[in-house]
N, C-alpha and C. Protein backbone atom coordinates (compact mmCIF):
# COMPACT_ATOMS: atom_id res chain seq x y z
N MET A 1 0.85 -1.17 0.00
CA MET A 1 0.00 0.00 0.00
C MET A 1 0.90 1.24 0.00
N PRO A 2 0.61 2.20 -0.86
CA PRO A 2 1.46 3.39 -0.94
C PRO A 2 1.43 4.20 0.35
N LEU A 3 2.54 4.80 0.65
CA LEU A 3 2.62 5.66 1.83
C LEU A 3 1.95 7.00 1.53
N ARG A 4 1.30 7.53 2.50
CA ARG A 4 0.62 8.82 2.32
C ARG A 4 1.61 9.97 2.37
N LYS A 5 1.21 11.07 1.77
CA LYS A 5 2.06 12.25 1.71
C LYS A 5 2.41 12.74 3.13
N LYS A 6 1.43 12.68 4.01
CA LYS A 6 1.65 13.13 5.39
C LYS A 6 2.72 12.28 6.08
N THR A 7 2.68 10.97 5.83
CA THR A 7 3.68 10.07 6.40
C THR A 7 5.06 10.37 5.85
N LEU A 8 5.13 10.63 4.54
CA LEU A 8 6.41 10.92 3.90
C LEU A 8 7.04 12.20 4.45
N ARG A 9 6.23 13.16 4.81
CA ARG A 9 6.76 14.44 5.32
C ARG A 9 7.53 14.27 6.62
N HIS A 10 7.15 13.27 7.40
CA HIS A 10 7.78 13.06 8.71
C HIS A 10 9.07 12.24 8.62
N MET A 11 9.41 11.81 7.44
CA MET A 11 10.61 10.98 7.27
C MET A 11 11.81 11.85 6.92
N PRO A 12 13.00 11.37 7.25
CA PRO A 12 14.21 12.07 6.80
C PRO A 12 14.29 12.03 5.26
N PRO A 13 15.00 12.97 4.66
CA PRO A 13 15.03 13.08 3.20
C PRO A 13 15.42 11.80 2.46
N GLU A 14 16.46 11.13 2.92
CA GLU A 14 16.89 9.91 2.21
C GLU A 14 15.85 8.81 2.32
N THR A 15 15.26 8.67 3.49
CA THR A 15 14.21 7.66 3.69
C THR A 15 13.01 7.98 2.82
N ARG A 16 12.69 9.24 2.72
CA ARG A 16 11.57 9.69 1.89
C ARG A 16 11.79 9.29 0.43
N LYS A 17 13.02 9.49 -0.06
CA LYS A 17 13.34 9.13 -1.45
C LYS A 17 13.15 7.63 -1.68
N VAL A 18 13.65 6.83 -0.72
CA VAL A 18 13.52 5.38 -0.85
C VAL A 18 12.04 4.98 -0.81
N ALA A 19 11.27 5.58 0.06
CA ALA A 19 9.85 5.26 0.16
C ALA A 19 9.13 5.60 -1.14
N ARG A 20 9.47 6.71 -1.75
CA ARG A 20 8.86 7.08 -3.04
C ARG A 20 9.20 6.06 -4.11
N LEU A 21 10.47 5.62 -4.13
CA LEU A 21 10.87 4.60 -5.11
C LEU A 21 10.11 3.30 -4.91
N VAL A 22 9.92 2.91 -3.66
CA VAL A 22 9.17 1.69 -3.36
C VAL A 22 7.73 1.84 -3.84
N ASN A 23 7.13 3.01 -3.62
CA ASN A 23 5.76 3.25 -4.09
C ASN A 23 5.70 3.17 -5.61
N ASP A 24 6.68 3.75 -6.29
CA ASP A 24 6.71 3.71 -7.76
C ASP A 24 6.86 2.27 -8.25
N LEU A 25 7.72 1.51 -7.58
CA LEU A 25 7.92 0.12 -7.97
C LEU A 25 6.62 -0.68 -7.84
N ALA A 26 5.90 -0.47 -6.78
CA ALA A 26 4.62 -1.17 -6.59
C ALA A 26 3.63 -0.79 -7.68
N SER A 27 3.62 0.47 -8.05
CA SER A 27 2.72 0.94 -9.09
C SER A 27 3.05 0.31 -10.44
N VAL A 28 4.33 0.28 -10.77
CA VAL A 28 4.77 -0.32 -12.04
C VAL A 28 4.44 -1.80 -12.07
N GLU A 29 4.69 -2.49 -10.96
CA GLU A 29 4.39 -3.92 -10.89
C GLU A 29 2.90 -4.18 -11.12
N ARG A 30 2.05 -3.38 -10.53
CA ARG A 30 0.61 -3.53 -10.68
C ARG A 30 0.20 -3.31 -12.14
N ARG A 31 0.76 -2.27 -12.78
CA ARG A 31 0.43 -2.00 -14.18
C ARG A 31 0.89 -3.12 -15.10
N LEU A 32 2.09 -3.67 -14.83
CA LEU A 32 2.58 -4.77 -15.66
C LEU A 32 1.71 -6.02 -15.51
N LYS A 33 1.27 -6.29 -14.28
CA LYS A 33 0.39 -7.43 -14.05
C LYS A 33 -0.91 -7.28 -14.84
N ASN A 34 -1.42 -6.07 -14.91
CA ASN A 34 -2.66 -5.82 -15.65
C ASN A 34 -2.46 -5.93 -17.16
N LEU A 35 -1.22 -5.76 -17.63
CA LEU A 35 -0.93 -5.85 -19.06
C LEU A 35 -0.76 -7.29 -19.55
N LEU A 36 -0.44 -8.20 -18.67
CA LEU A 36 -0.16 -9.58 -19.08
C LEU A 36 -1.26 -10.22 -19.92
N PRO A 37 -2.53 -10.16 -19.53
CA PRO A 37 -3.58 -10.79 -20.37
C PRO A 37 -3.63 -10.18 -21.78
N THR A 38 -3.44 -8.89 -21.88
CA THR A 38 -3.45 -8.24 -23.19
C THR A 38 -2.31 -8.75 -24.06
N ILE A 39 -1.13 -8.86 -23.48
CA ILE A 39 0.03 -9.34 -24.23
C ILE A 39 -0.19 -10.79 -24.66
N GLN A 40 -0.75 -11.60 -23.80
CA GLN A 40 -1.02 -13.00 -24.15
C GLN A 40 -1.98 -13.09 -25.32
N ARG A 41 -3.06 -12.29 -25.30
CA ARG A 41 -4.01 -12.29 -26.41
C ARG A 41 -3.35 -11.86 -27.71
N MET A 42 -2.49 -10.85 -27.64
CA MET A 42 -1.80 -10.38 -28.83
C MET A 42 -0.91 -11.48 -29.42
N GLU A 43 -0.22 -12.23 -28.56
CA GLU A 43 0.62 -13.32 -29.04
C GLU A 43 -0.20 -14.40 -29.72
N VAL A 44 -1.36 -14.72 -29.17
CA VAL A 44 -2.24 -15.73 -29.77
C VAL A 44 -2.71 -15.23 -31.14
N TRP A 45 -3.11 -13.98 -31.22
CA TRP A 45 -3.56 -13.42 -32.51
C TRP A 45 -2.43 -13.44 -33.53
N GLU A 46 -1.23 -13.13 -33.09
CA GLU A 46 -0.09 -13.12 -34.02
C GLU A 46 0.18 -14.52 -34.56
N ARG A 47 0.17 -15.52 -33.67
CA ARG A 47 0.40 -16.90 -34.11
C ARG A 47 -0.68 -17.34 -35.11
N ALA A 48 -1.93 -16.99 -34.80
CA ALA A 48 -3.03 -17.35 -35.70
C ALA A 48 -2.86 -16.67 -37.06
N ASP A 49 -2.44 -15.42 -37.05
CA ASP A 49 -2.24 -14.70 -38.29
C ASP A 49 -1.10 -15.30 -39.10
N LEU A 50 -0.02 -15.68 -38.44
CA LEU A 50 1.10 -16.31 -39.14
C LEU A 50 0.68 -17.64 -39.77
N LYS A 51 -0.10 -18.42 -39.05
CA LYS A 51 -0.59 -19.68 -39.61
C LYS A 51 -1.50 -19.44 -40.80
N ARG A 52 -2.36 -18.42 -40.69
CA ARG A 52 -3.26 -18.09 -41.80
C ARG A 52 -2.46 -17.68 -43.03
N GLN A 53 -1.43 -16.85 -42.83
CA GLN A 53 -0.60 -16.40 -43.95
C GLN A 53 0.14 -17.57 -44.58
N ALA A 54 0.64 -18.48 -43.77
CA ALA A 54 1.36 -19.64 -44.29
C ALA A 54 0.42 -20.52 -45.11
N ALA A 55 -0.79 -20.72 -44.62
CA ALA A 55 -1.77 -21.54 -45.35
C ALA A 55 -2.14 -20.87 -46.67
N GLN A 56 -2.28 -19.57 -46.64
CA GLN A 56 -2.63 -18.83 -47.84
C GLN A 56 -1.51 -18.92 -48.88
N GLU A 57 -0.27 -18.78 -48.45
CA GLU A 57 0.87 -18.89 -49.36
C GLU A 57 0.96 -20.29 -49.95
N GLU A 58 0.72 -21.29 -49.12
CA GLU A 58 0.76 -22.68 -49.59
C GLU A 58 -0.31 -22.92 -50.65
N SER A 59 -1.50 -22.41 -50.43
CA SER A 59 -2.56 -22.61 -51.42
C SER A 59 -2.24 -21.87 -52.72
N GLN A 60 -1.60 -20.72 -52.65
CA GLN A 60 -1.20 -20.01 -53.86
C GLN A 60 -0.12 -20.78 -54.61
N ARG A 61 0.81 -21.40 -53.91
CA ARG A 61 1.85 -22.21 -54.55
C ARG A 61 1.24 -23.40 -55.29
N ARG A 62 0.27 -24.03 -54.66
CA ARG A 62 -0.41 -25.17 -55.29
C ARG A 62 -1.12 -24.74 -56.57
N LEU A 63 -1.74 -23.59 -56.53
CA LEU A 63 -2.45 -23.10 -57.72
C LEU A 63 -1.48 -22.80 -58.84
N ARG A 64 -0.32 -22.29 -58.54
CA ARG A 64 0.68 -21.95 -59.55
C ARG A 64 1.24 -23.21 -60.22
N LYS A 65 1.38 -24.28 -59.45
CA LYS A 65 1.92 -25.52 -59.99
C LYS A 65 0.95 -26.16 -60.98
N GLU A 66 -0.32 -25.95 -60.77
CA GLU A 66 -1.32 -26.59 -61.64
C GLU A 66 -1.45 -25.91 -62.94
């Protein structure tokens, strides 16, 4: 849980900097976790598209041979 501004004011300067970095790290971690499902879906779509393109190219090669 992020530290409140009031709590940060009572800390020495160096401790305050470290606390802010910890808060930022937690925020970034949360955002990355929320991005994972989107990235997974994109990878599935990409694989499906590559397979579709390969099948399309194969069918065009077969037509050219005939």
